[in-house]
């Protein structure tokens, strides 16, 4: 997928079971919280997620493989 930059592909390739990736908007303080930060300015969340899932399957070795932040809760479980 052309949305996957070389930096993002290298990051995804280095990931293993149990590793996490956060897709966040521009208001998230990623510079403070990220161990590794890959910016994809101007791209929408859903196309980026689709691009990532085209090369990295959802990890089925962990019970909460996909979650999202919600107001008033830290994590909200999604069924893959």
PDB file of N, CA and C in Angstrom:
ATOM      1  N   UNK A   1       0.849  -1.179   0.000  1.00  0.00           N
ATOM      2  CA  UNK A   1       0.000   0.000   0.000  1.00  0.00           C
ATOM      3  C   UNK A   1       0.889   1.234   0.000  1.00  0.00           C
ATOM      4  N   UNK A   2       0.624   2.186  -0.880  1.00  0.00           N
ATOM      5  CA  UNK A   2       1.476   3.373  -0.958  1.00  0.00           C
ATOM      6  C   UNK A   2       1.430   4.268   0.277  1.00  0.00           C
ATOM      7  N   UNK A   3       0.461   4.080   1.168  1.00  0.00           N
ATOM      8  CA  UNK A   3       0.433   4.870   2.406  1.00  0.00           C
ATOM      9  C   UNK A   3       1.507   4.429   3.394  1.00  0.00           C
ATOM     10  N   UNK A   4       2.046   3.236   3.208  1.00  0.00           N
ATOM     11  CA  UNK A   4       3.046   2.701   4.137  1.00  0.00           C
ATOM     12  C   UNK A   4       4.427   3.229   3.758  1.00  0.00           C
ATOM     13  N   UNK A   5       4.916   4.144   4.566  1.00  0.00           N
ATOM     14  CA  UNK A   5       6.237   4.719   4.324  1.00  0.00           C
ATOM     15  C   UNK A   5       7.318   3.697   4.677  1.00  0.00           C
ATOM     16  N   UNK A   6       8.529   3.874   4.171  1.00  0.00           N
ATOM     17  CA  UNK A   6       9.615   2.965   4.553  1.00  0.00           C
ATOM     18  C   UNK A   6       9.820   2.907   6.070  1.00  0.00           C
ATOM     19  N   UNK A   7       9.702   4.055   6.722  1.00  0.00           N
ATOM     20  CA  UNK A   7       9.868   4.090   8.185  1.00  0.00           C
ATOM     21  C   UNK A   7       8.775   3.276   8.881  1.00  0.00           C
ATOM     22  N   UNK A   8       7.530   3.410   8.433  1.00  0.00           N
ATOM     23  CA  UNK A   8       6.442   2.648   9.030  1.00  0.00           C
ATOM     24  C   UNK A   8       6.599   1.163   8.743  1.00  0.00           C
ATOM     25  N   UNK A   9       6.987   0.805   7.523  1.00  0.00           N
ATOM     26  CA  UNK A   9       7.199  -0.612   7.198  1.00  0.00           C
ATOM     27  C   UNK A   9       8.297  -1.219   8.069  1.00  0.00           C
ATOM     28  N   UNK A  10       9.377  -0.481   8.306  1.00  0.00           N
ATOM     29  CA  UNK A  10      10.451  -0.983   9.170  1.00  0.00           C
ATOM     30  C   UNK A  10       9.950  -1.176  10.592  1.00  0.00           C
ATOM     31  N   UNK A  11       9.136  -0.245  11.065  1.00  0.00           N
ATOM     32  CA  UNK A  11       8.569  -0.350  12.411  1.00  0.00           C
ATOM     33  C   UNK A  11       7.666  -1.568  12.516  1.00  0.00           C
ATOM     34  N   UNK A  12       6.796  -1.767  11.541  1.00  0.00           N
ATOM     35  CA  UNK A  12       5.893  -2.920  11.553  1.00  0.00           C
ATOM     36  C   UNK A  12       6.667  -4.230  11.483  1.00  0.00           C
ATOM     37  N   UNK A  13       7.706  -4.253  10.670  1.00  0.00           N
ATOM     38  CA  UNK A  13       8.512  -5.475  10.536  1.00  0.00           C
ATOM     39  C   UNK A  13       9.195  -5.842  11.855  1.00  0.00           C
ATOM     40  N   UNK A  14       9.555  -4.855  12.645  1.00  0.00           N
ATOM     41  CA  UNK A  14      10.244  -5.096  13.912  1.00  0.00           C
ATOM     42  C   UNK A  14       9.299  -5.544  15.016  1.00  0.00           C
ATOM     43  N   UNK A  15       7.995  -5.426  14.784  1.00  0.00           N
ATOM     44  CA  UNK A  15       7.024  -5.760  15.826  1.00  0.00           C
ATOM     45  C   UNK A  15       6.838  -7.268  15.943  1.00  0.00           C
ATOM     46  N   UNK A  16       6.519  -7.696  17.159  1.00  0.00           N
ATOM     47  CA  UNK A  16       6.240  -9.103  17.421  1.00  0.00           C
ATOM     48  C   UNK A  16       4.972  -9.252  18.232  1.00  0.00           C
ATOM     49  N   UNK A  17       4.665 -10.483  18.622  1.00  0.00           N
ATOM     50  CA  UNK A  17       3.456 -10.741  19.407  1.00  0.00           C
ATOM     51  C   UNK A  17       3.458  -9.894  20.671  1.00  0.00           C
ATOM     52  N   UNK A  18       2.336  -9.259  20.937  1.00  0.00           N
ATOM     53  CA  UNK A  18       2.185  -8.458  22.148  1.00  0.00           C
ATOM     54  C   UNK A  18       2.635  -7.021  22.008  1.00  0.00           C
ATOM     55  N   UNK A  19       3.350  -6.673  20.925  1.00  0.00           N
ATOM     56  CA  UNK A  19       3.732  -5.276  20.712  1.00  0.00           C
ATOM     57  C   UNK A  19       2.494  -4.477  20.332  1.00  0.00           C
ATOM     58  N   UNK A  20       2.514  -3.206  20.626  1.00  0.00           N
ATOM     59  CA  UNK A  20       1.369  -2.340  20.349  1.00  0.00           C
ATOM     60  C   UNK A  20       1.769  -1.202  19.430  1.00  0.00           C
ATOM     61  N   UNK A  21       0.811  -0.798  18.620  1.00  0.00           N
ATOM     62  CA  UNK A  21       0.970   0.389  17.790  1.00  0.00           C
ATOM     63  C   UNK A  21      -0.257   1.263  18.046  1.00  0.00           C
ATOM     64  N   UNK A  22      -0.038   2.541  18.194  1.00  0.00           N
ATOM     65  CA  UNK A  22      -1.140   3.470  18.438  1.00  0.00           C
ATOM     66  C   UNK A  22      -1.320   4.350  17.211  1.00  0.00           C
ATOM     67  N   UNK A  23      -2.537   4.407  16.725  1.00  0.00           N
ATOM     68  CA  UNK A  23      -2.890   5.336  15.653  1.00  0.00           C
ATOM     69  C   UNK A  23      -3.635   6.475  16.332  1.00  0.00           C
ATOM     70  N   UNK A  24      -3.055   7.653  16.301  1.00  0.00           N
ATOM     71  CA  UNK A  24      -3.604   8.782  17.060  1.00  0.00           C
ATOM     72  C   UNK A  24      -3.742  10.006  16.162  1.00  0.00           C
ATOM     73  N   UNK A  25      -4.568  10.944  16.611  1.00  0.00           N
ATOM     74  CA  UNK A  25      -4.720  12.186  15.858  1.00  0.00           C
ATOM     75  C   UNK A  25      -3.648  13.190  16.275  1.00  0.00           C
ATOM     76  N   UNK A  26      -3.668  14.339  15.623  1.00  0.00           N
ATOM     77  CA  UNK A  26      -2.654  15.354  15.866  1.00  0.00           C
ATOM     78  C   UNK A  26      -2.684  15.981  17.244  1.00  0.00           C
ATOM     79  N   UNK A  27      -3.741  15.756  18.008  1.00  0.00           N
ATOM     80  CA  UNK A  27      -3.830  16.319  19.347  1.00  0.00           C
ATOM     81  C   UNK A  27      -3.210  15.440  20.421  1.00  0.00           C
ATOM     82  N   UNK A  28      -2.845  14.219  20.070  1.00  0.00           N
ATOM     83  CA  UNK A  28      -2.236  13.306  21.044  1.00  0.00           C
ATOM     84  C   UNK A  28      -0.777  13.715  21.269  1.00  0.00           C
ATOM     85  N   UNK A  29      -0.321  13.760  22.511  1.00  0.00           N
ATOM     86  CA  UNK A  29       1.065  14.174  22.789  1.00  0.00           C
ATOM     87  C   UNK A  29       2.068  13.049  22.503  1.00  0.00           C
ATOM     88  N   UNK A  30       2.145  12.646  21.254  1.00  0.00           N
ATOM     89  CA  UNK A  30       2.962  11.492  20.871  1.00  0.00           C
ATOM     90  C   UNK A  30       4.449  11.707  21.120  1.00  0.00           C
ATOM     91  N   UNK A  31       4.927  12.906  20.944  1.00  0.00           N
ATOM     92  CA  UNK A  31       6.354  13.163  21.160  1.00  0.00           C
ATOM     93  C   UNK A  31       6.746  12.812  22.592  1.00  0.00           C
ATOM     94  N   UNK A  32       5.851  13.056  23.538  1.00  0.00           N
ATOM     95  CA  UNK A  32       6.123  12.746  24.943  1.00  0.00           C
ATOM     96  C   UNK A  32       5.954  11.269  25.268  1.00  0.00           C
ATOM     97  N   UNK A  33       5.033  10.575  24.588  1.00  0.00           N
ATOM     98  CA  UNK A  33       4.658   9.227  24.984  1.00  0.00           C
ATOM     99  C   UNK A  33       5.228   8.109  24.113  1.00  0.00           C
ATOM    100  N   UNK A  34       5.603   8.400  22.899  1.00  0.00           N
ATOM    101  CA  UNK A  34       6.019   7.349  21.972  1.00  0.00           C
ATOM    102  C   UNK A  34       7.464   6.934  22.191  1.00  0.00           C
ATOM    103  N   UNK A  35       7.707   5.635  22.099  1.00  0.00           N
ATOM    104  CA  UNK A  35       9.092   5.155  22.054  1.00  0.00           C
ATOM    105  C   UNK A  35       9.657   5.369  20.658  1.00  0.00           C
ATOM    106  N   UNK A  36       8.787   5.157  19.679  1.00  0.00           N
ATOM    107  CA  UNK A  36       9.137   5.384  18.279  1.00  0.00           C
ATOM    108  C   UNK A  36       7.948   6.086  17.644  1.00  0.00           C
ATOM    109  N   UNK A  37       8.176   7.181  16.964  1.00  0.00           N
ATOM    110  CA  UNK A  37       7.098   7.973  16.391  1.00  0.00           C
ATOM    111  C   UNK A  37       7.234   8.004  14.881  1.00  0.00           C
ATOM    112  N   UNK A  38       6.179   7.590  14.193  1.00  0.00           N
ATOM    113  CA  UNK A  38       6.114   7.663  12.741  1.00  0.00           C
ATOM    114  C   UNK A  38       4.934   8.560  12.409  1.00  0.00           C
ATOM    115  N   UNK A  39       5.203   9.676  11.782  1.00  0.00           N
ATOM    116  CA  UNK A  39       4.141  10.631  11.445  1.00  0.00           C
ATOM    117  C   UNK A  39       3.612  10.337  10.052  1.00  0.00           C
ATOM    118  N   UNK A  40       2.297  10.428   9.904  1.00  0.00           N
ATOM    119  CA  UNK A  40       1.645  10.291   8.608  1.00  0.00           C
ATOM    120  C   UNK A  40       0.662  11.453   8.459  1.00  0.00           C
ATOM    121  N   UNK A  41       1.198  12.647   8.533  1.00  0.00           N
ATOM    122  CA  UNK A  41       0.383  13.862   8.504  1.00  0.00           C
ATOM    123  C   UNK A  41      -0.487  13.913   7.253  1.00  0.00           C
ATOM    124  N   UNK A  42      -1.743  14.314   7.458  1.00  0.00           N
ATOM    125  CA  UNK A  42      -2.664  14.499   6.357  1.00  0.00           C
ATOM    126  C   UNK A  42      -3.418  13.260   5.921  1.00  0.00           C
ATOM    127  N   UNK A  43      -3.102  12.115   6.510  1.00  0.00           N
ATOM    128  CA  UNK A  43      -3.784  10.879   6.140  1.00  0.00           C
ATOM    129  C   UNK A  43      -4.850  10.543   7.164  1.00  0.00           C
ATOM    130  N   UNK A  44      -5.947   9.956   6.711  1.00  0.00           N
ATOM    131  CA  UNK A  44      -7.031   9.575   7.596  1.00  0.00           C
ATOM    132  C   UNK A  44      -6.739   8.284   8.343  1.00  0.00           C
ATOM    133  N   UNK A  45      -7.361   8.148   9.500  1.00  0.00           N
ATOM    134  CA  UNK A  45      -7.150   6.975  10.345  1.00  0.00           C
ATOM    135  C   UNK A  45      -7.548   5.675   9.655  1.00  0.00           C
ATOM    136  N   UNK A  46      -8.722   5.633   9.047  1.00  0.00           N
ATOM    137  CA  UNK A  46      -9.209   4.381   8.445  1.00  0.00           C
ATOM    138  C   UNK A  46      -8.312   3.928   7.290  1.00  0.00           C
ATOM    139  N   UNK A  47      -7.916   4.793   6.361  1.00  0.00           N
ATOM    140  CA  UNK A  47      -7.001   4.330   5.313  1.00  0.00           C
ATOM    141  C   UNK A  47      -5.657   3.841   5.863  1.00  0.00           C
ATOM    142  N   UNK A  48      -5.147   4.513   6.894  1.00  0.00           N
ATOM    143  CA  UNK A  48      -3.881   4.077   7.499  1.00  0.00           C
ATOM    144  C   UNK A  48      -4.060   2.715   8.170  1.00  0.00           C
ATOM    145  N   UNK A  49      -5.149   2.538   8.888  1.00  0.00           N
ATOM    146  CA  UNK A  49      -5.424   1.249   9.525  1.00  0.00           C
ATOM    147  C   UNK A  49      -5.546   0.154   8.478  1.00  0.00           C
ATOM    148  N   UNK A  50      -6.276   0.404   7.406  1.00  0.00           N
ATOM    149  CA  UNK A  50      -6.405  -0.586   6.327  1.00  0.00           C
ATOM    150  C   UNK A  50      -5.045  -0.926   5.730  1.00  0.00           C
ATOM    151  N   UNK A  51      -4.197   0.078   5.543  1.00  0.00           N
ATOM    152  CA  UNK A  51      -2.860  -0.157   4.988  1.00  0.00           C
ATOM    153  C   UNK A  51      -2.027  -1.024   5.928  1.00  0.00           C
ATOM    154  N   UNK A  52      -2.075  -0.722   7.220  1.00  0.00           N
ATOM    155  CA  UNK A  52      -1.317  -1.511   8.194  1.00  0.00           C
ATOM    156  C   UNK A  52      -1.822  -2.944   8.229  1.00  0.00           C
ATOM    157  N   UNK A  53      -3.145  -3.114   8.234  1.00  0.00           N
ATOM    158  CA  UNK A  53      -3.705  -4.470   8.287  1.00  0.00           C
ATOM    159  C   UNK A  53      -3.433  -5.261   7.013  1.00  0.00           C
ATOM    160  N   UNK A  54      -3.055  -4.593   5.929  1.00  0.00           N
ATOM    161  CA  UNK A  54      -2.716  -5.314   4.696  1.00  0.00           C
ATOM    162  C   UNK A  54      -1.392  -6.060   4.817  1.00  0.00           C
ATOM    163  N   UNK A  55      -0.554  -5.659   5.782  1.00  0.00           N
ATOM    164  CA  UNK A  55       0.745  -6.319   5.955  1.00  0.00           C
ATOM    165  C   UNK A  55       0.957  -6.901   7.351  1.00  0.00           C
ATOM    166  N   UNK A  56       0.127  -6.506   8.311  1.00  0.00           N
ATOM    167  CA  UNK A  56       0.295  -6.966   9.685  1.00  0.00           C
ATOM    168  C   UNK A  56      -1.048  -7.447  10.210  1.00  0.00           C
ATOM    169  N   UNK A  57      -1.221  -8.755  10.373  1.00  0.00           N
ATOM    170  CA  UNK A  57      -2.509  -9.256  10.856  1.00  0.00           C
ATOM    171  C   UNK A  57      -2.736  -8.896  12.324  1.00  0.00           C
ATOM    172  N   UNK A  58      -3.997  -8.905  12.716  1.00  0.00           N
ATOM    173  CA  UNK A  58      -4.341  -8.676  14.113  1.00  0.00           C
ATOM    174  C   UNK A  58      -3.815  -9.849  14.934  1.00  0.00           C
ATOM    175  N   UNK A  59      -3.140  -9.547  16.022  1.00  0.00           N
ATOM    176  CA  UNK A  59      -2.546 -10.572  16.886  1.00  0.00           C
ATOM    177  C   UNK A  59      -3.649 -11.302  17.647  1.00  0.00           C
ATOM    178  N   UNK A  60      -3.809 -12.577  17.381  1.00  0.00           N
ATOM    179  CA  UNK A  60      -4.844 -13.340  18.084  1.00  0.00           C
ATOM    180  C   UNK A  60      -4.289 -14.087  19.299  1.00  0.00           C
ATOM    181  N   UNK A  61      -3.069 -13.745  19.720  1.00  0.00           N
ATOM    182  CA  UNK A  61      -2.471 -14.357  20.906  1.00  0.00           C
ATOM    183  C   UNK A  61      -2.777 -13.566  22.176  1.00  0.00           C
ATOM    184  N   UNK A  62      -3.397 -12.408  22.032  1.00  0.00           N
ATOM    185  CA  UNK A  62      -3.740 -11.580  23.186  1.00  0.00           C
ATOM    186  C   UNK A  62      -5.250 -11.358  23.212  1.00  0.00           C
ATOM    187  N   UNK A  63      -5.844 -11.265  24.395  1.00  0.00           N
ATOM    188  CA  UNK A  63      -7.296 -11.155  24.486  1.00  0.00           C
ATOM    189  C   UNK A  63      -7.865  -9.834  23.951  1.00  0.00           C
ATOM    190  N   UNK A  64      -7.167  -8.722  24.113  1.00  0.00           N
ATOM    191  CA  UNK A  64      -7.639  -7.418  23.637  1.00  0.00           C
ATOM    192  C   UNK A  64      -6.689  -6.895  22.577  1.00  0.00           C
ATOM    193  N   UNK A  65      -6.780  -7.474  21.391  1.00  0.00           N
ATOM    194  CA  UNK A  65      -5.844  -7.112  20.330  1.00  0.00           C
ATOM    195  C   UNK A  65      -6.119  -5.725  19.756  1.00  0.00           C
ATOM    196  N   UNK A  66      -7.363  -5.290  19.791  1.00  0.00           N
ATOM    197  CA  UNK A  66      -7.717  -3.962  19.286  1.00  0.00           C
ATOM    198  C   UNK A  66      -8.509  -3.240  20.369  1.00  0.00           C
ATOM    199  N   UNK A  67      -8.114  -2.015  20.643  1.00  0.00           N
ATOM    200  CA  UNK A  67      -8.865  -1.223  21.608  1.00  0.00           C
ATOM    201  C   UNK A  67      -8.760   0.236  21.213  1.00  0.00           C
ATOM    202  N   UNK A  68      -9.664   1.033  21.753  1.00  0.00           N
ATOM    203  CA  UNK A  68      -9.642   2.456  21.459  1.00  0.00           C
ATOM    204  C   UNK A  68      -9.876   3.242  22.735  1.00  0.00           C
ATOM    205  N   UNK A  69      -9.411   4.438  22.725  1.00  0.00           N
ATOM    206  CA  UNK A  69      -9.627   5.338  23.841  1.00  0.00           C
ATOM    207  C   UNK A  69     -11.015   5.946  23.716  1.00  0.00           C
ATOM    208  N   UNK A  70     -11.683   6.073  24.836  1.00  0.00           N
ATOM    209  CA  UNK A  70     -12.985   6.734  24.849  1.00  0.00           C
ATOM    210  C   UNK A  70     -13.021   7.710  26.003  1.00  0.00           C
ATOM    211  N   UNK A  71     -13.899   8.659  25.923  1.00  0.00           N
ATOM    212  CA  UNK A  71     -14.033   9.621  26.996  1.00  0.00           C
ATOM    213  C   UNK A  71     -14.505   8.898  28.251  1.00  0.00           C
ATOM    214  N   UNK A  72     -13.753   9.027  29.335  1.00  0.00           N
ATOM    215  CA  UNK A  72     -14.134   8.407  30.600  1.00  0.00           C
ATOM    216  C   UNK A  72     -13.624   6.981  30.784  1.00  0.00           C
ATOM    217  N   UNK A  73     -13.022   6.407  29.742  1.00  0.00           N
ATOM    218  CA  UNK A  73     -12.452   5.061  29.849  1.00  0.00           C
ATOM    219  C   UNK A  73     -11.100   5.063  29.168  1.00  0.00           C
ATOM    220  N   UNK A  74     -10.200   4.209  29.645  1.00  0.00           N
ATOM    221  CA  UNK A  74      -8.894   4.106  29.012  1.00  0.00           C
ATOM    222  C   UNK A  74      -8.958   3.229  27.761  1.00  0.00           C
ATOM    223  N   UNK A  75      -9.692   2.117  27.838  1.00  0.00           N
ATOM    224  CA  UNK A  75      -9.725   1.191  26.716  1.00  0.00           C
ATOM    225  C   UNK A  75     -11.117   0.620  26.542  1.00  0.00           C
ATOM    226  N   UNK A  76     -11.523   0.479  25.326  1.00  0.00           N
ATOM    227  CA  UNK A  76     -12.815  -0.092  24.988  1.00  0.00           C
ATOM    228  C   UNK A  76     -12.559  -1.235  24.025  1.00  0.00           C
ATOM    229  N   UNK A  77     -12.981  -2.424  24.342  1.00  0.00           N
ATOM    230  CA  UNK A  77     -12.667  -3.610  23.562  1.00  0.00           C
ATOM    231  C   UNK A  77     -13.483  -3.677  22.283  1.00  0.00           C
ATOM    232  N   UNK A  78     -12.828  -4.039  21.194  1.00  0.00           N
ATOM    233  CA  UNK A  78     -13.481  -4.308  19.914  1.00  0.00           C
ATOM    234  C   UNK A  78     -13.293  -5.771  19.591  1.00  0.00           C
ATOM    235  N   UNK A  79     -14.240  -6.373  18.964  1.00  0.00           N
ATOM    236  CA  UNK A  79     -14.067  -7.723  18.438  1.00  0.00           C
ATOM    237  C   UNK A  79     -13.405  -7.593  17.076  1.00  0.00           C
ATOM    238  N   UNK A  80     -12.309  -8.330  16.835  1.00  0.00           N
ATOM    239  CA  UNK A  80     -11.649  -8.253  15.513  1.00  0.00           C
ATOM    240  C   UNK A  80     -12.526  -8.789  14.416  1.00  0.00           C
TER     241      UNK A  80
END
